[in-house]
Amino acid sequence: MKRHKFQDPRRGYDYKIKTGPMADERNETRQETVRLSIFVPRYVETYVGGLFGGYFEKFPIGDSRPIWMQLIELVLYLIGLIICLGSVVFIWWLFWRFC
């Protein structure tokens, strides 16, 4: 295995680099978690008002309702979807059976 010396201009000293087929020594990089609160805005600023008397106001992004209310709404949407699909299948069965 060959060893070559290179000058590192940032550190100011020589260091060795291993070359060849056995030089597969990798340093594991540490992955840092990204805080999304830095990049994702919580509020949107919109213009409210008319042409001459408007102002900018911040509105929160997302749903401000409690989670239990959102779950109840989701369950009711699913029940409504099942009823609609069931009625379509029932009408299709009626036409298939009697026509």
PDB file of N, CA and C in Angstrom:
ATOM      1  N   MET A   1       0.846  -1.159   0.000  1.00  0.00           N
ATOM      2  CA  MET A   1       0.000   0.000   0.000  1.00  0.00           C
ATOM      3  C   MET A   1       0.899   1.233   0.000  1.00  0.00           C
ATOM      4  N   LYS A   2       0.597   2.167  -0.896  1.00  0.00           N
ATOM      5  CA  LYS A   2       1.411   3.362  -1.007  1.00  0.00           C
ATOM      6  C   LYS A   2       0.924   4.419  -0.031  1.00  0.00           C
ATOM      7  N   ARG A   3       1.859   5.201   0.423  1.00  0.00           N
ATOM      8  CA  ARG A   3       1.522   6.330   1.283  1.00  0.00           C
ATOM      9  C   ARG A   3       2.103   7.584   0.654  1.00  0.00           C
ATOM     10  N   HIS A   4       1.249   8.570   0.477  1.00  0.00           N
ATOM     11  CA  HIS A   4       1.684   9.832  -0.104  1.00  0.00           C
ATOM     12  C   HIS A   4       1.476  10.929   0.923  1.00  0.00           C
ATOM     13  N   LYS A   5       2.370  11.887   0.926  1.00  0.00           N
ATOM     14  CA  LYS A   5       2.231  13.028   1.820  1.00  0.00           C
ATOM     15  C   LYS A   5       1.732  14.221   1.012  1.00  0.00           C
ATOM     16  N   PHE A   6       0.768  14.906   1.564  1.00  0.00           N
ATOM     17  CA  PHE A   6       0.235  16.106   0.944  1.00  0.00           C
ATOM     18  C   PHE A   6       0.267  17.237   1.952  1.00  0.00           C
ATOM     19  N   GLN A   7       0.421  18.411   1.459  1.00  0.00           N
ATOM     20  CA  GLN A   7       0.406  19.590   2.317  1.00  0.00           C
ATOM     21  C   GLN A   7      -1.041  20.086   2.422  1.00  0.00           C
ATOM     22  N   ASP A   8      -1.507  20.228   3.633  1.00  0.00           N
ATOM     23  CA  ASP A   8      -2.844  20.757   3.858  1.00  0.00           C
ATOM     24  C   ASP A   8      -2.716  22.260   4.076  1.00  0.00           C
ATOM     25  N   PRO A   9      -3.210  23.085   3.162  1.00  0.00           N
ATOM     26  CA  PRO A   9      -3.022  24.525   3.314  1.00  0.00           C
ATOM     27  C   PRO A   9      -3.810  25.119   4.470  1.00  0.00           C
ATOM     28  N   ARG A  10      -4.880  24.451   4.894  1.00  0.00           N
ATOM     29  CA  ARG A  10      -5.674  24.991   5.998  1.00  0.00           C
ATOM     30  C   ARG A  10      -5.016  24.719   7.339  1.00  0.00           C
ATOM     31  N   ARG A  11      -4.385  23.555   7.468  1.00  0.00           N
ATOM     32  CA  ARG A  11      -3.796  23.191   8.760  1.00  0.00           C
ATOM     33  C   ARG A  11      -2.312  23.539   8.841  1.00  0.00           C
ATOM     34  N   GLY A  12      -1.640  23.580   7.702  1.00  0.00           N
ATOM     35  CA  GLY A  12      -0.250  23.972   7.699  1.00  0.00           C
ATOM     36  C   GLY A  12       0.722  22.849   7.988  1.00  0.00           C
ATOM     37  N   TYR A  13       0.310  21.597   7.891  1.00  0.00           N
ATOM     38  CA  TYR A  13       1.245  20.486   8.111  1.00  0.00           C
ATOM     39  C   TYR A  13       0.935  19.375   7.128  1.00  0.00           C
ATOM     40  N   ASP A  14       1.848  18.439   7.016  1.00  0.00           N
ATOM     41  CA  ASP A  14       1.681  17.321   6.098  1.00  0.00           C
ATOM     42  C   ASP A  14       0.855  16.229   6.760  1.00  0.00           C
ATOM     43  N   TYR A  15       0.006  15.591   5.976  1.00  0.00           N
ATOM     44  CA  TYR A  15      -0.726  14.435   6.471  1.00  0.00           C
ATOM     45  C   TYR A  15      -0.652  13.345   5.420  1.00  0.00           C
ATOM     46  N   LYS A  16      -0.909  12.125   5.845  1.00  0.00           N
ATOM     47  CA  LYS A  16      -0.745  10.964   4.973  1.00  0.00           C
ATOM     48  C   LYS A  16      -2.102  10.498   4.463  1.00  0.00           C
ATOM     49  N   ILE A  17      -2.128  10.153   3.182  1.00  0.00           N
ATOM     50  CA  ILE A  17      -3.323   9.574   2.580  1.00  0.00           C
ATOM     51  C   ILE A  17      -2.961   8.189   2.093  1.00  0.00           C
ATOM     52  N   LYS A  18      -3.738   7.214   2.489  1.00  0.00           N
ATOM     53  CA  LYS A  18      -3.513   5.850   2.046  1.00  0.00           C
ATOM     54  C   LYS A  18      -4.203   5.650   0.708  1.00  0.00           C
ATOM     55  N   THR A  19      -3.522   5.037  -0.242  1.00  0.00           N
ATOM     56  CA  THR A  19      -4.123   4.734  -1.537  1.00  0.00           C
ATOM     57  C   THR A  19      -3.992   3.254  -1.786  1.00  0.00           C
ATOM     58  N   GLY A  20      -4.851   2.733  -2.638  1.00  0.00           N
ATOM     59  CA  GLY A  20      -4.793   1.325  -2.973  1.00  0.00           C
ATOM     60  C   GLY A  20      -6.093   0.638  -2.641  1.00  0.00           C
ATOM     61  N   PRO A  21      -6.154  -0.667  -2.897  1.00  0.00           N
ATOM     62  CA  PRO A  21      -7.418  -1.379  -2.693  1.00  0.00           C
ATOM     63  C   PRO A  21      -7.781  -1.561  -1.224  1.00  0.00           C
ATOM     64  N   MET A  22      -6.825  -1.506  -0.337  1.00  0.00           N
ATOM     65  CA  MET A  22      -7.134  -1.725   1.077  1.00  0.00           C
ATOM     66  C   MET A  22      -7.372  -0.410   1.817  1.00  0.00           C
ATOM     67  N   ALA A  23      -7.459   0.676   1.111  1.00  0.00           N
ATOM     68  CA  ALA A  23      -7.602   1.982   1.763  1.00  0.00           C
ATOM     69  C   ALA A  23      -9.059   2.366   1.906  1.00  0.00           C
ATOM     70  N   ASP A  24      -9.877   1.469   2.384  1.00  0.00           N
ATOM     71  CA  ASP A  24     -11.304   1.718   2.521  1.00  0.00           C
ATOM     72  C   ASP A  24     -11.646   2.065   3.962  1.00  0.00           C
ATOM     73  N   GLU A  25     -10.874   2.907   4.549  1.00  0.00           N
ATOM     74  CA  GLU A  25     -11.154   3.332   5.919  1.00  0.00           C
ATOM     75  C   GLU A  25     -12.023   4.574   5.854  1.00  0.00           C
ATOM     76  N   ARG A  26     -13.249   4.435   6.237  1.00  0.00           N
ATOM     77  CA  ARG A  26     -14.198   5.548   6.165  1.00  0.00           C
ATOM     78  C   ARG A  26     -14.550   6.000   7.575  1.00  0.00           C
ATOM     79  N   ASN A  27     -14.580   7.256   7.748  1.00  0.00           N
ATOM     80  CA  ASN A  27     -15.046   7.809   9.012  1.00  0.00           C
ATOM     81  C   ASN A  27     -16.553   7.977   8.934  1.00  0.00           C
ATOM     82  N   GLU A  28     -17.232   7.485   9.933  1.00  0.00           N
ATOM     83  CA  GLU A  28     -18.683   7.609   9.950  1.00  0.00           C
ATOM     84  C   GLU A  28     -19.053   9.054  10.249  1.00  0.00           C
ATOM     85  N   THR A  29     -19.865   9.616   9.389  1.00  0.00           N
ATOM     86  CA  THR A  29     -20.285  10.992   9.601  1.00  0.00           C
ATOM     87  C   THR A  29     -21.463  11.021  10.550  1.00  0.00           C
ATOM     88  N   ARG A  30     -21.438  11.984  11.411  1.00  0.00           N
ATOM     89  CA  ARG A  30     -22.522  12.138  12.375  1.00  0.00           C
ATOM     90  C   ARG A  30     -23.624  12.962  11.736  1.00  0.00           C
ATOM     91  N   GLN A  31     -24.818  12.397  11.665  1.00  0.00           N
ATOM     92  CA  GLN A  31     -25.938  13.102  11.059  1.00  0.00           C
ATOM     93  C   GLN A  31     -26.683  13.860  12.143  1.00  0.00           C
ATOM     94  N   GLU A  32     -26.802  15.136  11.911  1.00  0.00           N
ATOM     95  CA  GLU A  32     -27.508  15.972  12.864  1.00  0.00           C
ATOM     96  C   GLU A  32     -28.944  16.143  12.396  1.00  0.00           C
ATOM     97  N   THR A  33     -29.857  16.096  13.324  1.00  0.00           N
ATOM     98  CA  THR A  33     -31.256  16.279  12.979  1.00  0.00           C
ATOM     99  C   THR A  33     -31.512  17.751  12.675  1.00  0.00           C
ATOM    100  N   VAL A  34     -32.338  17.975  11.698  1.00  0.00           N
ATOM    101  CA  VAL A  34     -32.660  19.334  11.283  1.00  0.00           C
ATOM    102  C   VAL A  34     -33.923  19.770  11.997  1.00  0.00           C
ATOM    103  N   ARG A  35     -33.841  20.914  12.644  1.00  0.00           N
ATOM    104  CA  ARG A  35     -35.033  21.445  13.302  1.00  0.00           C
ATOM    105  C   ARG A  35     -35.887  22.121  12.247  1.00  0.00           C
ATOM    106  N   LEU A  36     -37.062  21.554  11.986  1.00  0.00           N
ATOM    107  CA  LEU A  36     -37.923  22.078  10.936  1.00  0.00           C
ATOM    108  C   LEU A  36     -38.566  23.398  11.317  1.00  0.00           C
ATOM    109  N   SER A  37     -38.595  23.718  12.612  1.00  0.00           N
ATOM    110  CA  SER A  37     -39.223  24.972  13.010  1.00  0.00           C
ATOM    111  C   SER A  37     -38.452  26.169  12.482  1.00  0.00           C
ATOM    112  N   ILE A  38     -37.195  25.971  12.112  1.00  0.00           N
ATOM    113  CA  ILE A  38     -36.418  27.070  11.549  1.00  0.00           C
ATOM    114  C   ILE A  38     -36.883  27.354  10.125  1.00  0.00           C
ATOM    115  N   PHE A  39     -37.176  26.309   9.357  1.00  0.00           N
ATOM    116  CA  PHE A  39     -37.457  26.450   7.947  1.00  0.00           C
ATOM    117  C   PHE A  39     -38.945  26.535   7.619  1.00  0.00           C
ATOM    118  N   VAL A  40     -39.797  25.933   8.437  1.00  0.00           N
ATOM    119  CA  VAL A  40     -41.237  25.913   8.163  1.00  0.00           C
ATOM    120  C   VAL A  40     -41.881  27.078   8.904  1.00  0.00           C
ATOM    121  N   PRO A  41     -42.531  27.978   8.196  1.00  0.00           N
ATOM    122  CA  PRO A  41     -43.153  29.115   8.882  1.00  0.00           C
ATOM    123  C   PRO A  41     -44.406  28.684   9.624  1.00  0.00           C
ATOM    124  N   ARG A  42     -44.639  29.314  10.746  1.00  0.00           N
ATOM    125  CA  ARG A  42     -45.839  29.018  11.526  1.00  0.00           C
ATOM    126  C   ARG A  42     -46.962  29.988  11.211  1.00  0.00           C
ATOM    127  N   TYR A  43     -46.606  31.150  10.687  1.00  0.00           N
ATOM    128  CA  TYR A  43     -47.599  32.165  10.367  1.00  0.00           C
ATOM    129  C   TYR A  43     -47.395  32.629   8.926  1.00  0.00           C
ATOM    130  N   VAL A  44     -48.491  33.033   8.309  1.00  0.00           N
ATOM    131  CA  VAL A  44     -48.421  33.621   6.974  1.00  0.00           C
ATOM    132  C   VAL A  44     -48.913  35.056   7.089  1.00  0.00           C
ATOM    133  N   GLU A  45     -48.208  35.943   6.419  1.00  0.00           N
ATOM    134  CA  GLU A  45     -48.569  37.347   6.482  1.00  0.00           C
ATOM    135  C   GLU A  45     -49.356  37.696   5.227  1.00  0.00           C
ATOM    136  N   THR A  46     -50.597  38.139   5.412  1.00  0.00           N
ATOM    137  CA  THR A  46     -51.461  38.463   4.286  1.00  0.00           C
ATOM    138  C   THR A  46     -51.944  39.896   4.404  1.00  0.00           C
ATOM    139  N   TYR A  47     -52.352  40.431   3.277  1.00  0.00           N
ATOM    140  CA  TYR A  47     -52.852  41.805   3.209  1.00  0.00           C
ATOM    141  C   TYR A  47     -54.347  41.783   3.415  1.00  0.00           C
ATOM    142  N   VAL A  48     -54.832  42.549   4.378  1.00  0.00           N
ATOM    143  CA  VAL A  48     -56.253  42.595   4.709  1.00  0.00           C
ATOM    144  C   VAL A  48     -56.732  44.023   4.491  1.00  0.00           C
ATOM    145  N   GLY A  49     -57.850  44.164   3.831  1.00  0.00           N
ATOM    146  CA  GLY A  49     -58.416  45.498   3.660  1.00  0.00           C
ATOM    147  C   GLY A  49     -58.545  45.886   2.213  1.00  0.00           C
ATOM    148  N   GLY A  50     -58.874  47.154   2.012  1.00  0.00           N
ATOM    149  CA  GLY A  50     -59.128  47.653   0.675  1.00  0.00           C
ATOM    150  C   GLY A  50     -57.872  48.182   0.012  1.00  0.00           C
ATOM    151  N   LEU A  51     -58.100  48.982  -1.000  1.00  0.00           N
ATOM    152  CA  LEU A  51     -57.005  49.507  -1.797  1.00  0.00           C
ATOM    153  C   LEU A  51     -56.212  50.573  -1.054  1.00  0.00           C
ATOM    154  N   PHE A  52     -56.909  51.424  -0.288  1.00  0.00           N
ATOM    155  CA  PHE A  52     -56.235  52.533   0.377  1.00  0.00           C
ATOM    156  C   PHE A  52     -56.069  52.326   1.874  1.00  0.00           C
ATOM    157  N   GLY A  53     -56.886  51.523   2.486  1.00  0.00           N
ATOM    158  CA  GLY A  53     -56.835  51.406   3.944  1.00  0.00           C
ATOM    159  C   GLY A  53     -56.475  50.019   4.433  1.00  0.00           C
ATOM    160  N   GLY A  54     -55.629  49.308   3.729  1.00  0.00           N
ATOM    161  CA  GLY A  54     -55.305  47.942   4.110  1.00  0.00           C
ATOM    162  C   GLY A  54     -54.139  47.865   5.077  1.00  0.00           C
ATOM    163  N   TYR A  55     -53.956  46.687   5.624  1.00  0.00           N
ATOM    164  CA  TYR A  55     -52.846  46.429   6.540  1.00  0.00           C
ATOM    165  C   TYR A  55     -52.460  44.961   6.421  1.00  0.00           C
ATOM    166  N   PHE A  56     -51.277  44.647   6.915  1.00  0.00           N
ATOM    167  CA  PHE A  56     -50.798  43.273   6.914  1.00  0.00           C
ATOM    168  C   PHE A  56     -51.102  42.636   8.260  1.00  0.00           C
ATOM    169  N   GLU A  57     -51.569  41.391   8.196  1.00  0.00           N
ATOM    170  CA  GLU A  57     -51.900  40.671   9.424  1.00  0.00           C
ATOM    171  C   GLU A  57     -51.344  39.259   9.326  1.00  0.00           C
ATOM    172  N   LYS A  58     -50.890  38.724  10.467  1.00  0.00           N
ATOM    173  CA  LYS A  58     -50.343  37.368  10.490  1.00  0.00           C
ATOM    174  C   LYS A  58     -51.429  36.381  10.905  1.00  0.00           C
ATOM    175  N   PHE A  59     -51.574  35.324  10.104  1.00  0.00           N
ATOM    176  CA  PHE A  59     -52.528  34.266  10.397  1.00  0.00           C
ATOM    177  C   PHE A  59     -51.765  32.975  10.626  1.00  0.00           C
ATOM    178  N   PRO A  60     -52.166  32.154  11.605  1.00  0.00           N
ATOM    179  CA  PRO A  60     -51.447  30.891  11.831  1.00  0.00           C
ATOM    180  C   PRO A  60     -51.709  29.895  10.714  1.00  0.00           C
ATOM    181  N   ILE A  61     -50.671  29.123  10.383  1.00  0.00           N
ATOM    182  CA  ILE A  61     -50.791  28.075   9.376  1.00  0.00           C
ATOM    183  C   ILE A  61     -51.186  26.784  10.086  1.00  0.00           C
ATOM    184  N   GLY A  62     -52.112  26.054   9.496  1.00  0.00           N
ATOM    185  CA  GLY A  62     -52.520  24.782  10.075  1.00  0.00           C
ATOM    186  C   GLY A  62     -53.916  24.878  10.659  1.00  0.00           C
ATOM    187  N   ASP A  63     -54.346  23.794  11.244  1.00  0.00           N
ATOM    188  CA  ASP A  63     -55.688  23.708  11.795  1.00  0.00           C
ATOM    189  C   ASP A  63     -55.636  24.050  13.269  1.00  0.00           C
ATOM    190  N   SER A  64     -56.436  25.007  13.676  1.00  0.00           N
ATOM    191  CA  SER A  64     -56.412  25.445  15.067  1.00  0.00           C
ATOM    192  C   SER A  64     -57.409  24.698  15.942  1.00  0.00           C
ATOM    193  N   ARG A  65     -58.182  23.779  15.346  1.00  0.00           N
ATOM    194  CA  ARG A  65     -59.158  23.026  16.137  1.00  0.00           C
ATOM    195  C   ARG A  65     -58.467  21.951  16.958  1.00  0.00           C
ATOM    196  N   PRO A  66     -59.067  21.530  18.076  1.00  0.00           N
ATOM    197  CA  PRO A  66     -58.455  20.458  18.869  1.00  0.00           C
ATOM    198  C   PRO A  66     -58.455  19.126  18.129  1.00  0.00           C
ATOM    199  N   ILE A  67     -57.584  18.230  18.545  1.00  0.00           N
ATOM    200  CA  ILE A  67     -57.388  16.970  17.820  1.00  0.00           C
ATOM    201  C   ILE A  67     -58.617  16.078  17.905  1.00  0.00           C
ATOM    202  N   TRP A  68     -59.361  16.132  19.005  1.00  0.00           N
ATOM    203  CA  TRP A  68     -60.548  15.278  19.111  1.00  0.00           C
ATOM    204  C   TRP A  68     -61.612  15.711  18.101  1.00  0.00           C
ATOM    205  N   MET A  69     -61.708  17.019  17.837  1.00  0.00           N
ATOM    206  CA  MET A  69     -62.674  17.485  16.859  1.00  0.00           C
ATOM    207  C   MET A  69     -62.258  17.074  15.442  1.00  0.00           C
ATOM    208  N   GLN A  70     -60.969  17.090  15.174  1.00  0.00           N
ATOM    209  CA  GLN A  70     -60.488  16.654  13.871  1.00  0.00           C
ATOM    210  C   GLN A  70     -60.723  15.161  13.666  1.00  0.00           C
ATOM    211  N   LEU A  71     -60.563  14.351  14.719  1.00  0.00           N
ATOM    212  CA  LEU A  71     -60.802  12.912  14.616  1.00  0.00           C
ATOM    213  C   LEU A  71     -62.282  12.613  14.370  1.00  0.00           C
ATOM    214  N   ILE A  72     -63.163  13.336  15.069  1.00  0.00           N
ATOM    215  CA  ILE A  72     -64.600  13.140  14.855  1.00  0.00           C
ATOM    216  C   ILE A  72     -64.976  13.505  13.423  1.00  0.00           C
ATOM    217  N   GLU A  73     -64.412  14.587  12.915  1.00  0.00           N
ATOM    218  CA  GLU A  73     -64.691  14.979  11.535  1.00  0.00           C
ATOM    219  C   GLU A  73     -64.193  13.938  10.545  1.00  0.00           C
ATOM    220  N   LEU A  74     -63.033  13.364  10.790  1.00  0.00           N
ATOM    221  CA  LEU A  74     -62.498  12.325   9.918  1.00  0.00           C
ATOM    222  C   LEU A  74     -63.383  11.085   9.918  1.00  0.00           C
ATOM    223  N   VAL A  75     -63.857  10.671  11.096  1.00  0.00           N
ATOM    224  CA  VAL A  75     -64.740   9.506  11.184  1.00  0.00           C
ATOM    225  C   VAL A  75     -66.056   9.772  10.446  1.00  0.00           C
ATOM    226  N   LEU A  76     -66.597  10.960  10.596  1.00  0.00           N
ATOM    227  CA  LEU A  76     -67.850  11.278   9.900  1.00  0.00           C
ATOM    228  C   LEU A  76     -67.653  11.330   8.389  1.00  0.00           C
ATOM    229  N   TYR A  77     -66.504  11.834   7.930  1.00  0.00           N
ATOM    230  CA  TYR A  77     -66.221  11.799   6.491  1.00  0.00           C
ATOM    231  C   TYR A  77     -66.150  10.367   5.981  1.00  0.00           C
ATOM    232  N   LEU A  78     -65.512   9.481   6.736  1.00  0.00           N
ATOM    233  CA  LEU A  78     -65.407   8.082   6.318  1.00  0.00           C
ATOM    234  C   LEU A  78     -66.775   7.412   6.285  1.00  0.00           C
ATOM    235  N   ILE A  79     -67.615   7.695   7.275  1.00  0.00           N
ATOM    236  CA  ILE A  79     -68.966   7.124   7.292  1.00  0.00           C
ATOM    237  C   ILE A  79     -69.773   7.635   6.096  1.00  0.00           C
ATOM    238  N   GLY A  80     -69.657   8.913   5.789  1.00  0.00           N
ATOM    239  CA  GLY A  80     -70.349   9.464   4.628  1.00  0.00           C
ATOM    240  C   GLY A  80     -69.863   8.857   3.326  1.00  0.00           C
ATOM    241  N   LEU A  81     -68.546   8.620   3.216  1.00  0.00           N
ATOM    242  CA  LEU A  81     -68.008   7.983   2.022  1.00  0.00           C
ATOM    243  C   LEU A  81     -68.522   6.559   1.866  1.00  0.00           C
ATOM    244  N   ILE A  82     -68.601   5.816   2.962  1.00  0.00           N
ATOM    245  CA  ILE A  82     -69.110   4.445   2.915  1.00  0.00           C
ATOM    246  C   ILE A  82     -70.583   4.437   2.503  1.00  0.00           C
ATOM    247  N   ILE A  83     -71.376   5.384   3.025  1.00  0.00           N
ATOM    248  CA  ILE A  83     -72.799   5.450   2.669  1.00  0.00           C
ATOM    249  C   ILE A  83     -72.966   5.786   1.186  1.00  0.00           C
ATOM    250  N   CYS A  84     -72.169   6.739   0.686  1.00  0.00           N
ATOM    251  CA  CYS A  84     -72.275   7.105  -0.735  1.00  0.00           C
ATOM    252  C   CYS A  84     -71.873   5.937  -1.636  1.00  0.00           C
ATOM    253  N   LEU A  85     -70.768   5.287  -1.335  1.00  0.00           N
ATOM    254  CA  LEU A  85     -70.343   4.148  -2.150  1.00  0.00           C
ATOM    255  C   LEU A  85     -71.328   2.984  -2.046  1.00  0.00           C
ATOM    256  N   GLY A  86     -71.892   2.777  -0.873  1.00  0.00           N
ATOM    257  CA  GLY A  86     -72.887   1.722  -0.715  1.00  0.00           C
ATOM    258  C   GLY A  86     -74.142   1.994  -1.508  1.00  0.00           C
ATOM    259  N   SER A  87     -74.573   3.242  -1.552  1.00  0.00           N
ATOM    260  CA  SER A  87     -75.763   3.558  -2.338  1.00  0.00           C
ATOM    261  C   SER A  87     -75.489   3.421  -3.833  1.00  0.00           C
ATOM    262  N   VAL A  88     -74.282   3.751  -4.271  1.00  0.00           N
ATOM    263  CA  VAL A  88     -73.939   3.562  -5.692  1.00  0.00           C
ATOM    264  C   VAL A  88     -73.936   2.083  -6.045  1.00  0.00           C
ATOM    265  N   VAL A  89     -73.372   1.261  -5.175  1.00  0.00           N
ATOM    266  CA  VAL A  89     -73.353  -0.184  -5.430  1.00  0.00           C
ATOM    267  C   VAL A  89     -74.770  -0.744  -5.406  1.00  0.00           C
ATOM    268  N   PHE A  90     -75.612  -0.247  -4.510  1.00  0.00           N
ATOM    269  CA  PHE A  90     -76.991  -0.725  -4.443  1.00  0.00           C
ATOM    270  C   PHE A  90     -77.768  -0.363  -5.718  1.00  0.00           C
ATOM    271  N   ILE A  91     -77.598   0.856  -6.219  1.00  0.00           N
ATOM    272  CA  ILE A  91     -78.264   1.257  -7.458  1.00  0.00           C
ATOM    273  C   ILE A  91     -77.740   0.439  -8.635  1.00  0.00           C
ATOM    274  N   TRP A  92     -76.437   0.199  -8.664  1.00  0.00           N
ATOM    275  CA  TRP A  92     -75.876  -0.645  -9.728  1.00  0.00           C
ATOM    276  C   TRP A  92     -76.456  -2.060  -9.650  1.00  0.00           C
ATOM    277  N   TRP A  93     -76.626  -2.587  -8.450  1.00  0.00           N
ATOM    278  CA  TRP A  93     -77.207  -3.938  -8.278  1.00  0.00           C
ATOM    279  C   TRP A  93     -78.663  -3.958  -8.742  1.00  0.00           C
ATOM    280  N   LEU A  94     -79.414  -2.868  -8.443  1.00  0.00           N
ATOM    281  CA  LEU A  94     -80.804  -2.806  -8.899  1.00  0.00           C
ATOM    282  C   LEU A  94     -80.902  -2.832 -10.410  1.00  0.00           C
ATOM    283  N   PHE A  95     -80.061  -2.042 -11.093  1.00  0.00           N
ATOM    284  CA  PHE A  95     -80.083  -2.047 -12.557  1.00  0.00           C
ATOM    285  C   PHE A  95     -79.623  -3.380 -13.106  1.00  0.00           C
ATOM    286  N   TRP A  96     -78.652  -3.997 -12.499  1.00  0.00           N
ATOM    287  CA  TRP A  96     -78.141  -5.289 -12.984  1.00  0.00           C
ATOM    288  C   TRP A  96     -79.171  -6.391 -12.792  1.00  0.00           C
ATOM    289  N   ARG A  97     -79.919  -6.324 -11.696  1.00  0.00           N
ATOM    290  CA  ARG A  97     -80.877  -7.374 -11.373  1.00  0.00           C
ATOM    291  C   ARG A  97     -82.172  -7.260 -12.161  1.00  0.00           C
ATOM    292  N   PHE A  98     -82.697  -6.045 -12.314  1.00  0.00           N
ATOM    293  CA  PHE A  98     -84.035  -5.884 -12.875  1.00  0.00           C
ATOM    294  C   PHE A  98     -84.073  -5.318 -14.285  1.00  0.00           C
ATOM    295  N   CYS A  99     -82.970  -4.902 -14.840  1.00  0.00           N
ATOM    296  CA  CYS A  99     -83.012  -4.340 -16.201  1.00  0.00           C
ATOM    297  C   CYS A  99     -82.308  -5.244 -17.189  1.00  0.00           C
TER     298      CYS A  99
END
